[in-house]
């Protein structure tokens, strides 16, 4: 697929179609690397626990997870806290 390079101010840009973006899963940003004479576009790496704090806050705000409060097992009767 050939895509024209366009001038944007003092820079150059390429326009990626909505269909191409949907196919690759790109959203707001891409990771750009140069390998030999090629530009490589990739989804940015995310950290595995990046959204944990937001998810925990949402659970607390929505009062979800109450089932864990009443969760018990046979060892709870003999356990000394």
C-alpha atoms as a PDB file:
ATOM      1  CA  UNK A   1       0.000   0.000   0.000  1.00  0.00           C
ATOM      2  CA  UNK A   2       1.429   3.355  -0.991  1.00  0.00           C
ATOM      3  CA  UNK A   3       0.502   6.345   1.153  1.00  0.00           C
ATOM      4  CA  UNK A   4       1.611   9.835   0.141  1.00  0.00           C
ATOM      5  CA  UNK A   5       3.813  11.885   2.463  1.00  0.00           C
ATOM      6  CA  UNK A   6       2.315  15.342   2.971  1.00  0.00           C
ATOM      7  CA  UNK A   7       3.761  18.605   4.196  1.00  0.00           C
ATOM      8  CA  UNK A   8       2.384  19.906   7.481  1.00  0.00           C
ATOM      9  CA  UNK A   9       4.117  23.151   8.434  1.00  0.00           C
ATOM     10  CA  UNK A  10       7.844  22.406   8.669  1.00  0.00           C
ATOM     11  CA  UNK A  11       7.176  18.670   9.091  1.00  0.00           C
ATOM     12  CA  UNK A  12       5.991  15.751   6.987  1.00  0.00           C
ATOM     13  CA  UNK A  13       3.022  13.491   7.774  1.00  0.00           C
ATOM     14  CA  UNK A  14       1.197  10.440   6.563  1.00  0.00           C
ATOM     15  CA  UNK A  15      -2.558  10.004   6.893  1.00  0.00           C
ATOM     16  CA  UNK A  16      -3.734   6.546   7.957  1.00  0.00           C
ATOM     17  CA  UNK A  17      -7.276   5.533   7.073  1.00  0.00           C
ATOM     18  CA  UNK A  18      -9.822   4.764   9.770  1.00  0.00           C
ATOM     19  CA  UNK A  19     -10.056   1.181   8.482  1.00  0.00           C
ATOM     20  CA  UNK A  20      -6.286   0.713   8.760  1.00  0.00           C
ATOM     21  CA  UNK A  21      -6.276   2.119  12.289  1.00  0.00           C
ATOM     22  CA  UNK A  22      -9.135  -0.201  13.282  1.00  0.00           C
ATOM     23  CA  UNK A  23      -7.337  -3.204  11.799  1.00  0.00           C
ATOM     24  CA  UNK A  24      -4.163  -2.482  13.768  1.00  0.00           C
ATOM     25  CA  UNK A  25      -5.894  -1.395  16.977  1.00  0.00           C
ATOM     26  CA  UNK A  26      -4.045   1.931  17.081  1.00  0.00           C
ATOM     27  CA  UNK A  27      -5.852   4.579  19.105  1.00  0.00           C
ATOM     28  CA  UNK A  28      -4.337   7.880  20.266  1.00  0.00           C
ATOM     29  CA  UNK A  29      -0.614   7.128  20.046  1.00  0.00           C
ATOM     30  CA  UNK A  30       1.830   4.809  18.322  1.00  0.00           C
ATOM     31  CA  UNK A  31       5.377   3.789  19.179  1.00  0.00           C
ATOM     32  CA  UNK A  32       7.697   4.695  16.287  1.00  0.00           C
ATOM     33  CA  UNK A  33      11.064   3.011  15.783  1.00  0.00           C
ATOM     34  CA  UNK A  34      13.547   3.089  12.932  1.00  0.00           C
ATOM     35  CA  UNK A  35      15.018  -0.174  11.676  1.00  0.00           C
ATOM     36  CA  UNK A  36      17.492   0.116   8.802  1.00  0.00           C
ATOM     37  CA  UNK A  37      15.549   2.178   6.247  1.00  0.00           C
ATOM     38  CA  UNK A  38      12.067   1.461   7.638  1.00  0.00           C
ATOM     39  CA  UNK A  39       9.732   3.139  10.103  1.00  0.00           C
ATOM     40  CA  UNK A  40       7.949   0.663  12.345  1.00  0.00           C
ATOM     41  CA  UNK A  41       4.672   1.666  13.990  1.00  0.00           C
ATOM     42  CA  UNK A  42       3.505  -0.364  16.989  1.00  0.00           C
ATOM     43  CA  UNK A  43       0.972  -0.094  19.792  1.00  0.00           C
ATOM     44  CA  UNK A  44       2.575   1.491  22.867  1.00  0.00           C
ATOM     45  CA  UNK A  45       3.591  -0.983  25.545  1.00  0.00           C
ATOM     46  CA  UNK A  46       1.471  -0.902  28.671  1.00  0.00           C
ATOM     47  CA  UNK A  47       2.489  -2.073  32.093  1.00  0.00           C
ATOM     48  CA  UNK A  48       0.555  -5.089  33.307  1.00  0.00           C
ATOM     49  CA  UNK A  49      -0.667  -3.337  36.470  1.00  0.00           C
ATOM     50  CA  UNK A  50      -1.147   0.108  34.971  1.00  0.00           C
ATOM     51  CA  UNK A  51      -4.916   0.313  35.506  1.00  0.00           C
ATOM     52  CA  UNK A  52      -5.167  -1.551  38.806  1.00  0.00           C
ATOM     53  CA  UNK A  53      -5.504   1.595  40.936  1.00  0.00           C
ATOM     54  CA  UNK A  54      -8.334   2.932  38.770  1.00  0.00           C
ATOM     55  CA  UNK A  55     -10.108  -0.455  38.839  1.00  0.00           C
ATOM     56  CA  UNK A  56      -9.815  -0.684  42.626  1.00  0.00           C
ATOM     57  CA  UNK A  57     -11.209   2.829  42.984  1.00  0.00           C
ATOM     58  CA  UNK A  58     -14.139   1.968  40.697  1.00  0.00           C
ATOM     59  CA  UNK A  59     -14.888  -1.142  42.760  1.00  0.00           C
ATOM     60  CA  UNK A  60     -14.848   0.888  45.974  1.00  0.00           C
ATOM     61  CA  UNK A  61     -17.057   3.619  44.509  1.00  0.00           C
ATOM     62  CA  UNK A  62     -19.597   1.180  43.118  1.00  0.00           C
ATOM     63  CA  UNK A  63     -19.416  -0.993  46.220  1.00  0.00           C
ATOM     64  CA  UNK A  64     -18.682  -4.020  44.103  1.00  0.00           C
ATOM     65  CA  UNK A  65     -16.927  -7.040  45.480  1.00  0.00           C
ATOM     66  CA  UNK A  66     -19.107  -7.356  48.594  1.00  0.00           C
ATOM     67  CA  UNK A  67     -19.188 -11.099  48.028  1.00  0.00           C
ATOM     68  CA  UNK A  68     -15.584 -11.210  49.294  1.00  0.00           C
ATOM     69  CA  UNK A  69     -16.584  -9.637  52.586  1.00  0.00           C
ATOM     70  CA  UNK A  70     -18.850 -12.578  53.384  1.00  0.00           C
ATOM     71  CA  UNK A  71     -16.586 -15.160  51.788  1.00  0.00           C
ATOM     72  CA  UNK A  72     -15.481 -17.709  54.347  1.00  0.00           C
ATOM     73  CA  UNK A  73     -14.038 -21.174  54.557  1.00  0.00           C
ATOM     74  CA  UNK A  74     -13.790 -23.987  57.105  1.00  0.00           C
ATOM     75  CA  UNK A  75     -10.547 -22.641  58.564  1.00  0.00           C
ATOM     76  CA  UNK A  76     -12.106 -19.315  59.632  1.00  0.00           C
ATOM     77  CA  UNK A  77     -13.764 -20.982  62.648  1.00  0.00           C
ATOM     78  CA  UNK A  78     -10.435 -22.062  64.156  1.00  0.00           C
ATOM     79  CA  UNK A  79      -8.271 -19.139  63.016  1.00  0.00           C
ATOM     80  CA  UNK A  80      -7.112 -16.693  65.710  1.00  0.00           C
ATOM     81  CA  UNK A  81      -6.894 -13.109  64.470  1.00  0.00           C
END
